[in-house]
Amino acid sequence: RIVGENGHVRAIECENMILGEEDSDGRRKPQSAKA
């Protein structure tokens, strides 16, 4: 999510990912890493 303050962007909240099984296009599907 994007973190805003007074109508302006201040930061972006992110999370780390891990790669799981391959999807339909042959690339491994990213999955959220907990906490």
All heavy atoms as atom14 arrays in JSON, in Angstrom:
{
  "sequence": "RIVGENGHVRAIECENMILGEEDSDGRRKPQSAKA",
  "atom14_mask": [
    [1, 1, 1, 1, 1, 1, 1, 1, 1, 1, 1, 0, 0, 0],
    [1, 1, 1, 1, 1, 1, 1, 1, 0, 0, 0, 0, 0, 0],
    [1, 1, 1, 1, 1, 1, 1, 0, 0, 0, 0, 0, 0, 0],
    [1, 1, 1, 1, 0, 0, 0, 0, 0, 0, 0, 0, 0, 0],
    [1, 1, 1, 1, 1, 1, 1, 1, 1, 0, 0, 0, 0, 0],
    [1, 1, 1, 1, 1, 1, 1, 1, 0, 0, 0, 0, 0, 0],
    [1, 1, 1, 1, 0, 0, 0, 0, 0, 0, 0, 0, 0, 0],
    [1, 1, 1, 1, 1, 1, 1, 1, 1, 1, 0, 0, 0, 0],
    [1, 1, 1, 1, 1, 1, 1, 0, 0, 0, 0, 0, 0, 0],
    [1, 1, 1, 1, 1, 1, 1, 1, 1, 1, 1, 0, 0, 0],
    [1, 1, 1, 1, 1, 0, 0, 0, 0, 0, 0, 0, 0, 0],
    [1, 1, 1, 1, 1, 1, 1, 1, 0, 0, 0, 0, 0, 0],
    [1, 1, 1, 1, 1, 1, 1, 1, 1, 0, 0, 0, 0, 0],
    [1, 1, 1, 1, 1, 1, 0, 0, 0, 0, 0, 0, 0, 0],
    [1, 1, 1, 1, 1, 1, 1, 1, 1, 0, 0, 0, 0, 0],
    [1, 1, 1, 1, 1, 1, 1, 1, 0, 0, 0, 0, 0, 0],
    [1, 1, 1, 1, 1, 1, 1, 1, 0, 0, 0, 0, 0, 0],
    [1, 1, 1, 1, 1, 1, 1, 1, 0, 0, 0, 0, 0, 0],
    [1, 1, 1, 1, 1, 1, 1, 1, 0, 0, 0, 0, 0, 0],
    [1, 1, 1, 1, 0, 0, 0, 0, 0, 0, 0, 0, 0, 0],
    [1, 1, 1, 1, 1, 1, 1, 1, 1, 0, 0, 0, 0, 0],
    [1, 1, 1, 1, 1, 1, 1, 1, 1, 0, 0, 0, 0, 0],
    [1, 1, 1, 1, 1, 1, 1, 1, 0, 0, 0, 0, 0, 0],
    [1, 1, 1, 1, 1, 1, 0, 0, 0, 0, 0, 0, 0, 0],
    [1, 1, 1, 1, 1, 1, 1, 1, 0, 0, 0, 0, 0, 0],
    [1, 1, 1, 1, 0, 0, 0, 0, 0, 0, 0, 0, 0, 0],
    [1, 1, 1, 1, 1, 1, 1, 1, 1, 1, 1, 0, 0, 0],
    [1, 1, 1, 1, 1, 1, 1, 1, 1, 1, 1, 0, 0, 0],
    [1, 1, 1, 1, 1, 1, 1, 1, 1, 0, 0, 0, 0, 0],
    [1, 1, 1, 1, 1, 1, 1, 0, 0, 0, 0, 0, 0, 0],
    [1, 1, 1, 1, 1, 1, 1, 1, 1, 0, 0, 0, 0, 0],
    [1, 1, 1, 1, 1, 1, 0, 0, 0, 0, 0, 0, 0, 0],
    [1, 1, 1, 1, 1, 0, 0, 0, 0, 0, 0, 0, 0, 0],
    [1, 1, 1, 1, 1, 1, 1, 1, 1, 0, 0, 0, 0, 0],
    [1, 1, 1, 1, 1, 0, 0, 0, 0, 0, 0, 0, 0, 0]
  ],
  "atom14_positions": [
    [[0.84, -1.2, 0.0], [0.0, 0.0, 0.0], [0.87, 1.24, 0.0], [2.04, 1.21, 0.41], [-0.94, 0.02, 1.2], [-0.27, 0.23, 2.55], [-1.26, 0.11, 3.69], [-0.62, 0.39, 4.97], [-0.66, 1.58, 5.58], [-1.31, 2.59, 5.0], [-0.06, 1.77, 6.74], [0.0, 0.0, 0.0], [0.0, 0.0, 0.0], [0.0, 0.0, 0.0]],
    [[0.3, 2.32, -0.48], [0.98, 3.61, -0.51], [0.6, 4.39, 0.74], [-0.58, 4.5, 1.08], [0.61, 4.41, -1.78], [1.1, 3.65, -3.02], [1.22, 5.81, -1.74], [0.67, 4.28, -4.32], [0.0, 0.0, 0.0], [0.0, 0.0, 0.0], [0.0, 0.0, 0.0], [0.0, 0.0, 0.0], [0.0, 0.0, 0.0], [0.0, 0.0, 0.0]],
    [[1.58, 4.92, 1.41], [1.35, 5.71, 2.63], [1.4, 7.18, 2.26], [2.38, 7.67, 1.69], [2.43, 5.39, 3.69], [2.18, 6.21, 4.95], [2.44, 3.9, 4.01], [0.0, 0.0, 0.0], [0.0, 0.0, 0.0], [0.0, 0.0, 0.0], [0.0, 0.0, 0.0], [0.0, 0.0, 0.0], [0.0, 0.0, 0.0], [0.0, 0.0, 0.0]],
    [[0.32, 7.88, 2.56], [0.24, 9.3, 2.24], [0.09, 10.18, 3.46], [-0.25, 9.71, 4.55], [0.0, 0.0, 0.0], [0.0, 0.0, 0.0], [0.0, 0.0, 0.0], [0.0, 0.0, 0.0], [0.0, 0.0, 0.0], [0.0, 0.0, 0.0], [0.0, 0.0, 0.0], [0.0, 0.0, 0.0], [0.0, 0.0, 0.0], [0.0, 0.0, 0.0]],
    [[0.36, 11.46, 3.25], [0.22, 12.44, 4.33], [-0.12, 13.79, 3.73], [0.61, 14.3, 2.88], [1.51, 12.51, 5.14], [1.45, 13.49, 6.32], [2.75, 13.54, 7.09], [3.31, 12.46, 7.37], [3.22, 14.66, 7.39], [0.0, 0.0, 0.0], [0.0, 0.0, 0.0], [0.0, 0.0, 0.0], [0.0, 0.0, 0.0], [0.0, 0.0, 0.0]],
    [[-1.26, 14.36, 4.11], [-1.72, 15.65, 3.59], [-1.8, 15.67, 2.07], [-1.44, 16.66, 1.41], [-0.8, 16.77, 4.08], [-0.77, 16.9, 5.59], [-1.8, 16.69, 6.25], [0.37, 17.24, 6.15], [0.0, 0.0, 0.0], [0.0, 0.0, 0.0], [0.0, 0.0, 0.0], [0.0, 0.0, 0.0], [0.0, 0.0, 0.0], [0.0, 0.0, 0.0]],
    [[-2.26, 14.56, 1.51], [-2.44, 14.49, 0.07], [-1.18, 14.21, -0.72], [-1.2, 14.28, -1.95], [0.0, 0.0, 0.0], [0.0, 0.0, 0.0], [0.0, 0.0, 0.0], [0.0, 0.0, 0.0], [0.0, 0.0, 0.0], [0.0, 0.0, 0.0], [0.0, 0.0, 0.0], [0.0, 0.0, 0.0], [0.0, 0.0, 0.0], [0.0, 0.0, 0.0]],
    [[-0.06, 13.92, -0.04], [1.2, 13.66, -0.73], [1.72, 12.27, -0.36], [1.49, 11.79, 0.76], [2.25, 14.71, -0.35], [1.89, 16.09, -0.79], [2.12, 16.55, -2.07], [1.32, 17.12, -0.11], [1.7, 17.81, -2.17], [1.22, 18.18, -0.99], [0.0, 0.0, 0.0], [0.0, 0.0, 0.0], [0.0, 0.0, 0.0], [0.0, 0.0, 0.0]],
    [[2.43, 11.65, -1.29], [3.04, 10.36, -1.03], [4.2, 10.53, -0.05], [5.03, 11.43, -0.2], [3.57, 9.73, -2.34], [4.35, 8.46, -2.04], [2.41, 9.42, -3.27], [0.0, 0.0, 0.0], [0.0, 0.0, 0.0], [0.0, 0.0, 0.0], [0.0, 0.0, 0.0], [0.0, 0.0, 0.0], [0.0, 0.0, 0.0], [0.0, 0.0, 0.0]],
    [[4.23, 9.67, 0.95], [5.32, 9.71, 1.92], [6.14, 8.43, 1.94], [7.33, 8.46, 2.24], [4.76, 9.97, 3.33], [4.16, 11.34, 3.52], [5.17, 12.41, 3.16], [4.62, 13.76, 3.3], [5.07, 14.82, 2.67], [6.1, 14.68, 1.84], [4.54, 16.01, 2.83], [0.0, 0.0, 0.0], [0.0, 0.0, 0.0], [0.0, 0.0, 0.0]],
    [[5.51, 7.31, 1.63], [6.23, 6.04, 1.68], [5.4, 4.98, 0.97], [4.25, 5.21, 0.59], [6.51, 5.62, 3.12], [0.0, 0.0, 0.0], [0.0, 0.0, 0.0], [0.0, 0.0, 0.0], [0.0, 0.0, 0.0], [0.0, 0.0, 0.0], [0.0, 0.0, 0.0], [0.0, 0.0, 0.0], [0.0, 0.0, 0.0], [0.0, 0.0, 0.0]],
    [[6.01, 3.83, 0.79], [5.31, 2.69, 0.23], [5.6, 1.48, 1.11], [6.75, 1.19, 1.42], [5.72, 2.43, -1.24], [4.91, 1.29, -1.82], [7.21, 2.19, -1.37], [5.05, 1.17, -3.33], [0.0, 0.0, 0.0], [0.0, 0.0, 0.0], [0.0, 0.0, 0.0], [0.0, 0.0, 0.0], [0.0, 0.0, 0.0], [0.0, 0.0, 0.0]],
    [[4.54, 0.84, 1.56], [4.69, -0.34, 2.41], [4.88, -1.57, 1.53], [4.14, -1.77, 0.56], [3.46, -0.52, 3.31], [3.6, -1.64, 4.32], [2.41, -1.74, 5.26], [1.68, -0.72, 5.38], [2.2, -2.81, 5.84], [0.0, 0.0, 0.0], [0.0, 0.0, 0.0], [0.0, 0.0, 0.0], [0.0, 0.0, 0.0], [0.0, 0.0, 0.0]],
    [[5.87, -2.39, 1.84], [6.22, -3.54, 1.02], [6.31, -4.8, 1.87], [6.32, -4.74, 3.1], [7.57, -3.31, 0.32], [7.7, -1.76, -0.58], [0.0, 0.0, 0.0], [0.0, 0.0, 0.0], [0.0, 0.0, 0.0], [0.0, 0.0, 0.0], [0.0, 0.0, 0.0], [0.0, 0.0, 0.0], [0.0, 0.0, 0.0], [0.0, 0.0, 0.0]],
    [[6.38, -5.93, 1.2], [6.62, -7.19, 1.88], [7.54, -8.05, 1.04], [7.57, -7.97, -0.19], [5.3, -7.93, 2.15], [4.56, -8.38, 0.92], [3.3, -9.15, 1.28], [3.08, -9.44, 2.47], [2.52, -9.47, 0.35], [0.0, 0.0, 0.0], [0.0, 0.0, 0.0], [0.0, 0.0, 0.0], [0.0, 0.0, 0.0], [0.0, 0.0, 0.0]],
    [[8.32, -8.88, 1.71], [9.22, -9.8, 1.03], [8.44, -10.97, 0.47], [7.4, -11.37, 1.0], [10.29, -10.31, 2.0], [11.26, -9.22, 2.4], [11.9, -8.6, 1.56], [11.36, -8.96, 3.7], [0.0, 0.0, 0.0], [0.0, 0.0, 0.0], [0.0, 0.0, 0.0], [0.0, 0.0, 0.0], [0.0, 0.0, 0.0], [0.0, 0.0, 0.0]],
    [[8.95, -11.53, -0.62], [8.29, -12.64, -1.29], [9.23, -13.83, -1.38], [10.46, -13.7, -1.3], [7.86, -12.23, -2.71], [7.05, -10.95, -2.78], [5.46, -11.07, -1.97], [4.6, -12.15, -3.12], [0.0, 0.0, 0.0], [0.0, 0.0, 0.0], [0.0, 0.0, 0.0], [0.0, 0.0, 0.0], [0.0, 0.0, 0.0], [0.0, 0.0, 0.0]],
    [[8.64, -15.02, -1.55], [9.38, -16.22, -1.86], [8.74, -16.83, -3.1], [7.57, -16.57, -3.39], [9.38, -17.25, -0.71], [7.94, -17.59, -0.32], [10.15, -16.72, 0.49], [7.86, -18.66, 0.75], [0.0, 0.0, 0.0], [0.0, 0.0, 0.0], [0.0, 0.0, 0.0], [0.0, 0.0, 0.0], [0.0, 0.0, 0.0], [0.0, 0.0, 0.0]],
    [[9.5, -17.62, -3.87], [8.97, -18.2, -5.09], [8.45, -19.61, -4.82], [9.12, -20.43, -4.2], [10.04, -18.25, -6.17], [10.54, -16.89, -6.68], [11.57, -17.09, -7.78], [9.39, -16.03, -7.17], [0.0, 0.0, 0.0], [0.0, 0.0, 0.0], [0.0, 0.0, 0.0], [0.0, 0.0, 0.0], [0.0, 0.0, 0.0], [0.0, 0.0, 0.0]],
    [[7.22, -19.87, -5.31], [6.6, -21.17, -5.15], [6.65, -21.97, -6.43], [7.63, -21.96, -7.16], [0.0, 0.0, 0.0], [0.0, 0.0, 0.0], [0.0, 0.0, 0.0], [0.0, 0.0, 0.0], [0.0, 0.0, 0.0], [0.0, 0.0, 0.0], [0.0, 0.0, 0.0], [0.0, 0.0, 0.0], [0.0, 0.0, 0.0], [0.0, 0.0, 0.0]],
    [[5.54, -22.66, -6.74], [5.46, -23.48, -7.93], [5.34, -22.61, -9.18], [4.96, -21.45, -9.12], [4.27, -24.43, -7.84], [4.33, -25.4, -6.66], [5.5, -26.35, -6.78], [5.85, -26.71, -7.93], [6.07, -26.74, -5.73], [0.0, 0.0, 0.0], [0.0, 0.0, 0.0], [0.0, 0.0, 0.0], [0.0, 0.0, 0.0], [0.0, 0.0, 0.0]],
    [[5.66, -23.2, -10.35], [5.55, -22.48, -11.61], [4.09, -22.23, -11.97], [3.22, -23.06, -11.71], [6.22, -23.26, -12.74], [7.74, -23.34, -12.62], [8.38, -23.98, -13.83], [7.62, -24.45, -14.72], [9.62, -24.03, -13.9], [0.0, 0.0, 0.0], [0.0, 0.0, 0.0], [0.0, 0.0, 0.0], [0.0, 0.0, 0.0], [0.0, 0.0, 0.0]],
    [[3.82, -21.06, -12.58], [2.46, -20.75, -13.03], [2.33, -21.09, -14.51], [3.19, -21.76, -15.09], [2.1, -19.29, -12.75], [3.12, -18.32, -13.34], [3.86, -18.73, -14.27], [3.17, -17.16, -12.9], [0.0, 0.0, 0.0], [0.0, 0.0, 0.0], [0.0, 0.0, 0.0], [0.0, 0.0, 0.0], [0.0, 0.0, 0.0], [0.0, 0.0, 0.0]],
    [[1.25, -20.63, -15.14], [0.94, -21.01, -16.52], [1.99, -20.55, -17.53], [2.14, -21.15, -18.59], [-0.44, -20.47, -16.92], [-0.48, -19.05, -16.8], [0.0, 0.0, 0.0], [0.0, 0.0, 0.0], [0.0, 0.0, 0.0], [0.0, 0.0, 0.0], [0.0, 0.0, 0.0], [0.0, 0.0, 0.0], [0.0, 0.0, 0.0], [0.0, 0.0, 0.0]],
    [[2.71, -19.47, -17.24], [3.72, -18.97, -18.19], [5.12, -19.48, -17.89], [6.1, -19.01, -18.45], [3.71, -17.44, -18.22], [4.11, -16.82, -16.89], [4.39, -17.57, -15.93], [4.13, -15.57, -16.79], [0.0, 0.0, 0.0], [0.0, 0.0, 0.0], [0.0, 0.0, 0.0], [0.0, 0.0, 0.0], [0.0, 0.0, 0.0], [0.0, 0.0, 0.0]],
    [[5.22, -20.47, -16.99], [6.5, -21.1, -16.72], [7.35, -20.4, -15.68], [8.47, -20.85, -15.39], [0.0, 0.0, 0.0], [0.0, 0.0, 0.0], [0.0, 0.0, 0.0], [0.0, 0.0, 0.0], [0.0, 0.0, 0.0], [0.0, 0.0, 0.0], [0.0, 0.0, 0.0], [0.0, 0.0, 0.0], [0.0, 0.0, 0.0], [0.0, 0.0, 0.0]],
    [[6.86, -19.3, -15.11], [7.61, -18.6, -14.07], [7.08, -19.01, -12.7], [5.89, -19.23, -12.52], [7.49, -17.08, -14.26], [8.1, -16.58, -15.54], [8.1, -15.07, -15.6], [6.77, -14.5, -15.56], [6.51, -13.2, -15.44], [7.51, -12.34, -15.33], [5.27, -12.75, -15.44], [0.0, 0.0, 0.0], [0.0, 0.0, 0.0], [0.0, 0.0, 0.0]],
    [[7.98, -19.1, -11.74], [7.58, -19.51, -10.39], [6.72, -18.41, -9.76], [7.06, -17.23, -9.81], [8.81, -19.8, -9.55], [9.61, -21.01, -10.06], [10.9, -21.17, -9.3], [10.65, -21.44, -7.89], [11.61, -21.49, -6.96], [12.86, -21.25, -7.32], [11.31, -21.74, -5.7], [0.0, 0.0, 0.0], [0.0, 0.0, 0.0], [0.0, 0.0, 0.0]],
    [[5.65, -18.82, -9.15], [4.67, -17.87, -8.61], [5.17, -17.3, -7.28], [5.51, -18.04, -6.36], [3.33, -18.58, -8.41], [2.2, -17.65, -8.01], [0.89, -18.42, -7.94], [-0.26, -17.49, -7.58], [-1.55, -18.22, -7.54], [0.0, 0.0, 0.0], [0.0, 0.0, 0.0], [0.0, 0.0, 0.0], [0.0, 0.0, 0.0], [0.0, 0.0, 0.0]],
    [[5.2, -15.96, -7.16], [5.64, -15.36, -5.9], [4.59, -15.5, -4.81], [3.4, -15.37, -5.06], [5.86, -13.88, -6.28], [4.95, -13.65, -7.44], [4.89, -14.95, -8.2], [0.0, 0.0, 0.0], [0.0, 0.0, 0.0], [0.0, 0.0, 0.0], [0.0, 0.0, 0.0], [0.0, 0.0, 0.0], [0.0, 0.0, 0.0], [0.0, 0.0, 0.0]],
    [[5.07, -15.78, -3.6], [4.19, -15.92, -2.44], [4.71, -15.06, -1.32], [5.91, -14.86, -1.17], [4.12, -17.39, -2.01], [3.59, -18.33, -3.07], [3.67, -19.78, -2.66], [4.35, -20.13, -1.69], [2.99, -20.66, -3.38], [0.0, 0.0, 0.0], [0.0, 0.0, 0.0], [0.0, 0.0, 0.0], [0.0, 0.0, 0.0], [0.0, 0.0, 0.0]],
    [[3.79, -14.57, -0.52], [4.17, -13.66, 0.56], [4.94, -14.39, 1.65], [4.59, -15.51, 2.04], [2.91, -13.02, 1.16], [3.23, -12.24, 2.29], [0.0, 0.0, 0.0], [0.0, 0.0, 0.0], [0.0, 0.0, 0.0], [0.0, 0.0, 0.0], [0.0, 0.0, 0.0], [0.0, 0.0, 0.0], [0.0, 0.0, 0.0], [0.0, 0.0, 0.0]],
    [[6.0, -13.75, 2.13], [6.74, -14.26, 3.28], [6.13, -13.65, 4.54], [5.99, -12.43, 4.64], [8.22, -13.89, 3.18], [0.0, 0.0, 0.0], [0.0, 0.0, 0.0], [0.0, 0.0, 0.0], [0.0, 0.0, 0.0], [0.0, 0.0, 0.0], [0.0, 0.0, 0.0], [0.0, 0.0, 0.0], [0.0, 0.0, 0.0], [0.0, 0.0, 0.0]],
    [[5.75, -14.48, 5.47], [5.03, -14.01, 6.65], [5.89, -13.06, 7.5], [7.09, -13.24, 7.63], [4.58, -15.2, 7.49], [3.58, -16.11, 6.78], [3.15, -17.25, 7.7], [2.13, -18.14, 6.99], [1.7, -19.28, 7.85], [0.0, 0.0, 0.0], [0.0, 0.0, 0.0], [0.0, 0.0, 0.0], [0.0, 0.0, 0.0], [0.0, 0.0, 0.0]],
    [[5.22, -12.08, 8.09], [5.87, -11.14, 9.02], [7.12, -10.52, 8.42], [8.18, -10.47, 9.05], [6.19, -11.83, 10.33], [0.0, 0.0, 0.0], [0.0, 0.0, 0.0], [0.0, 0.0, 0.0], [0.0, 0.0, 0.0], [0.0, 0.0, 0.0], [0.0, 0.0, 0.0], [0.0, 0.0, 0.0], [0.0, 0.0, 0.0], [0.0, 0.0, 0.0]]
  ]
}
